[in-house]
């Protein structure tokens, strides 16, 4: 785990694997599985991000090539837009 400039905590890939998935399943958050193809980009974020930024703004940023920069920019934009909740973004792209 490390801290990025002005963006807070950045979780390394190995740490993302230990997320309490059982709790998410119990709450009904996880609804199923879908195939992920090469080049697909996935975003896991808190409501402090998706509740503040529009889908169009998020989609635009997800087109960039560097996933670490995407995550940092998403968090920074949400904070600058006045998010009053915690802001978390994990961006993964399948190679």
C-alpha atoms as a PDB file:
ATOM      1  CA  UNK A   1       0.000   0.000   0.000  1.00  0.00           C
ATOM      2  CA  UNK A   2       1.257   3.506  -0.729  1.00  0.00           C
ATOM      3  CA  UNK A   3      -0.005   7.041  -0.871  1.00  0.00           C
ATOM      4  CA  UNK A   4      -0.308   9.005  -4.088  1.00  0.00           C
ATOM      5  CA  UNK A   5       0.035  12.735  -4.409  1.00  0.00           C
ATOM      6  CA  UNK A   6      -3.152  14.430  -3.193  1.00  0.00           C
ATOM      7  CA  UNK A   7      -5.199  11.331  -4.016  1.00  0.00           C
ATOM      8  CA  UNK A   8      -4.917   9.329  -0.824  1.00  0.00           C
ATOM      9  CA  UNK A   9      -4.371   5.619  -0.591  1.00  0.00           C
ATOM     10  CA  UNK A  10      -3.382   3.588  -3.653  1.00  0.00           C
ATOM     11  CA  UNK A  11      -4.011  -0.146  -3.244  1.00  0.00           C
ATOM     12  CA  UNK A  12      -1.620  -2.523  -4.950  1.00  0.00           C
ATOM     13  CA  UNK A  13      -3.076  -5.391  -7.023  1.00  0.00           C
ATOM     14  CA  UNK A  14      -2.289  -8.073  -4.420  1.00  0.00           C
ATOM     15  CA  UNK A  15      -4.158  -6.127  -1.739  1.00  0.00           C
ATOM     16  CA  UNK A  16      -7.224  -5.729  -3.936  1.00  0.00           C
ATOM     17  CA  UNK A  17      -7.608  -9.515  -3.879  1.00  0.00           C
ATOM     18  CA  UNK A  18      -8.377  -9.540  -0.150  1.00  0.00           C
ATOM     19  CA  UNK A  19     -11.445  -7.308  -0.347  1.00  0.00           C
ATOM     20  CA  UNK A  20     -14.286  -8.601   1.881  1.00  0.00           C
ATOM     21  CA  UNK A  21     -16.270 -10.067  -1.019  1.00  0.00           C
ATOM     22  CA  UNK A  22     -18.437 -12.174   1.296  1.00  0.00           C
ATOM     23  CA  UNK A  23     -19.869  -8.997   2.823  1.00  0.00           C
ATOM     24  CA  UNK A  24     -20.641  -7.611  -0.624  1.00  0.00           C
ATOM     25  CA  UNK A  25     -22.400 -10.819  -1.642  1.00  0.00           C
ATOM     26  CA  UNK A  26     -24.438 -10.841   1.583  1.00  0.00           C
ATOM     27  CA  UNK A  27     -25.660  -7.299   0.859  1.00  0.00           C
ATOM     28  CA  UNK A  28     -26.624  -8.165  -2.721  1.00  0.00           C
ATOM     29  CA  UNK A  29     -23.939  -5.939  -4.237  1.00  0.00           C
ATOM     30  CA  UNK A  30     -22.303  -8.686  -6.301  1.00  0.00           C
ATOM     31  CA  UNK A  31     -24.839 -10.040  -8.765  1.00  0.00           C
ATOM     32  CA  UNK A  32     -22.864 -12.298 -11.050  1.00  0.00           C
ATOM     33  CA  UNK A  33     -19.901 -12.737 -13.315  1.00  0.00           C
ATOM     34  CA  UNK A  34     -19.168 -11.639 -16.850  1.00  0.00           C
ATOM     35  CA  UNK A  35     -16.331 -12.492 -19.194  1.00  0.00           C
ATOM     36  CA  UNK A  36     -13.529  -9.938 -19.396  1.00  0.00           C
ATOM     37  CA  UNK A  37     -11.766  -9.621 -22.731  1.00  0.00           C
ATOM     38  CA  UNK A  38      -8.304  -8.319 -23.474  1.00  0.00           C
ATOM     39  CA  UNK A  39      -8.355  -4.524 -23.379  1.00  0.00           C
ATOM     40  CA  UNK A  40     -11.427  -4.261 -21.144  1.00  0.00           C
ATOM     41  CA  UNK A  41     -11.191  -1.675 -18.372  1.00  0.00           C
ATOM     42  CA  UNK A  42     -12.935  -2.197 -15.035  1.00  0.00           C
ATOM     43  CA  UNK A  43     -13.660   0.458 -12.419  1.00  0.00           C
ATOM     44  CA  UNK A  44     -14.459  -0.310  -8.797  1.00  0.00           C
ATOM     45  CA  UNK A  45     -15.345   2.878  -6.953  1.00  0.00           C
ATOM     46  CA  UNK A  46     -17.089   4.241  -3.905  1.00  0.00           C
ATOM     47  CA  UNK A  47     -20.243   6.330  -3.957  1.00  0.00           C
ATOM     48  CA  UNK A  48     -18.080   9.345  -3.153  1.00  0.00           C
ATOM     49  CA  UNK A  49     -16.920   9.116  -6.765  1.00  0.00           C
ATOM     50  CA  UNK A  50     -19.852   7.860  -8.831  1.00  0.00           C
ATOM     51  CA  UNK A  51     -22.274   9.996  -6.833  1.00  0.00           C
ATOM     52  CA  UNK A  52     -20.384  13.151  -7.837  1.00  0.00           C
ATOM     53  CA  UNK A  53     -19.033  12.590 -11.362  1.00  0.00           C
ATOM     54  CA  UNK A  54     -21.289  11.990 -14.349  1.00  0.00           C
ATOM     55  CA  UNK A  55     -21.162   8.705 -16.243  1.00  0.00           C
ATOM     56  CA  UNK A  56     -19.908  10.650 -19.273  1.00  0.00           C
ATOM     57  CA  UNK A  57     -17.009  12.179 -17.313  1.00  0.00           C
ATOM     58  CA  UNK A  58     -16.045   8.777 -15.906  1.00  0.00           C
ATOM     59  CA  UNK A  59     -16.276   7.116 -19.335  1.00  0.00           C
ATOM     60  CA  UNK A  60     -14.080   9.823 -20.869  1.00  0.00           C
ATOM     61  CA  UNK A  61     -11.331   9.264 -18.297  1.00  0.00           C
ATOM     62  CA  UNK A  62     -11.499   5.469 -18.664  1.00  0.00           C
ATOM     63  CA  UNK A  63     -10.367   5.876 -22.297  1.00  0.00           C
ATOM     64  CA  UNK A  64      -6.892   6.963 -21.192  1.00  0.00           C
ATOM     65  CA  UNK A  65      -4.036   4.472 -21.342  1.00  0.00           C
ATOM     66  CA  UNK A  66      -2.443   4.638 -17.861  1.00  0.00           C
ATOM     67  CA  UNK A  67      -4.734   3.051 -15.248  1.00  0.00           C
ATOM     68  CA  UNK A  68      -2.894   4.624 -12.288  1.00  0.00           C
ATOM     69  CA  UNK A  69      -3.340   8.075 -13.814  1.00  0.00           C
ATOM     70  CA  UNK A  70      -7.013   7.320 -14.484  1.00  0.00           C
ATOM     71  CA  UNK A  71      -7.624   6.365 -10.843  1.00  0.00           C
ATOM     72  CA  UNK A  72      -5.765   9.417  -9.552  1.00  0.00           C
ATOM     73  CA  UNK A  73      -7.635  11.776 -11.869  1.00  0.00           C
ATOM     74  CA  UNK A  74     -11.022  10.264 -10.961  1.00  0.00           C
ATOM     75  CA  UNK A  75     -10.353  10.735  -7.245  1.00  0.00           C
ATOM     76  CA  UNK A  76      -8.986  14.249  -7.731  1.00  0.00           C
ATOM     77  CA  UNK A  77     -11.968  15.335  -9.850  1.00  0.00           C
ATOM     78  CA  UNK A  78     -14.458  13.926  -7.330  1.00  0.00           C
ATOM     79  CA  UNK A  79     -12.733  15.734  -4.453  1.00  0.00           C
ATOM     80  CA  UNK A  80     -12.546  18.969  -6.451  1.00  0.00           C
ATOM     81  CA  UNK A  81     -16.263  18.597  -7.295  1.00  0.00           C
ATOM     82  CA  UNK A  82     -17.120  18.728  -3.607  1.00  0.00           C
ATOM     83  CA  UNK A  83     -17.600  15.086  -2.678  1.00  0.00           C
ATOM     84  CA  UNK A  84     -18.491  14.875   1.006  1.00  0.00           C
ATOM     85  CA  UNK A  85     -17.958  11.103   1.214  1.00  0.00           C
ATOM     86  CA  UNK A  86     -14.842   8.945   1.004  1.00  0.00           C
ATOM     87  CA  UNK A  87     -13.566   8.668  -2.581  1.00  0.00           C
ATOM     88  CA  UNK A  88     -12.048   5.424  -3.804  1.00  0.00           C
ATOM     89  CA  UNK A  89     -11.199   4.242  -7.324  1.00  0.00           C
ATOM     90  CA  UNK A  90      -9.575   1.019  -8.471  1.00  0.00           C
ATOM     91  CA  UNK A  91      -8.996   0.797 -12.234  1.00  0.00           C
ATOM     92  CA  UNK A  92      -7.941  -2.483 -13.834  1.00  0.00           C
ATOM     93  CA  UNK A  93      -7.289  -3.224 -17.506  1.00  0.00           C
ATOM     94  CA  UNK A  94      -6.933  -6.781 -18.790  1.00  0.00           C
ATOM     95  CA  UNK A  95      -3.911  -7.164 -21.026  1.00  0.00           C
END
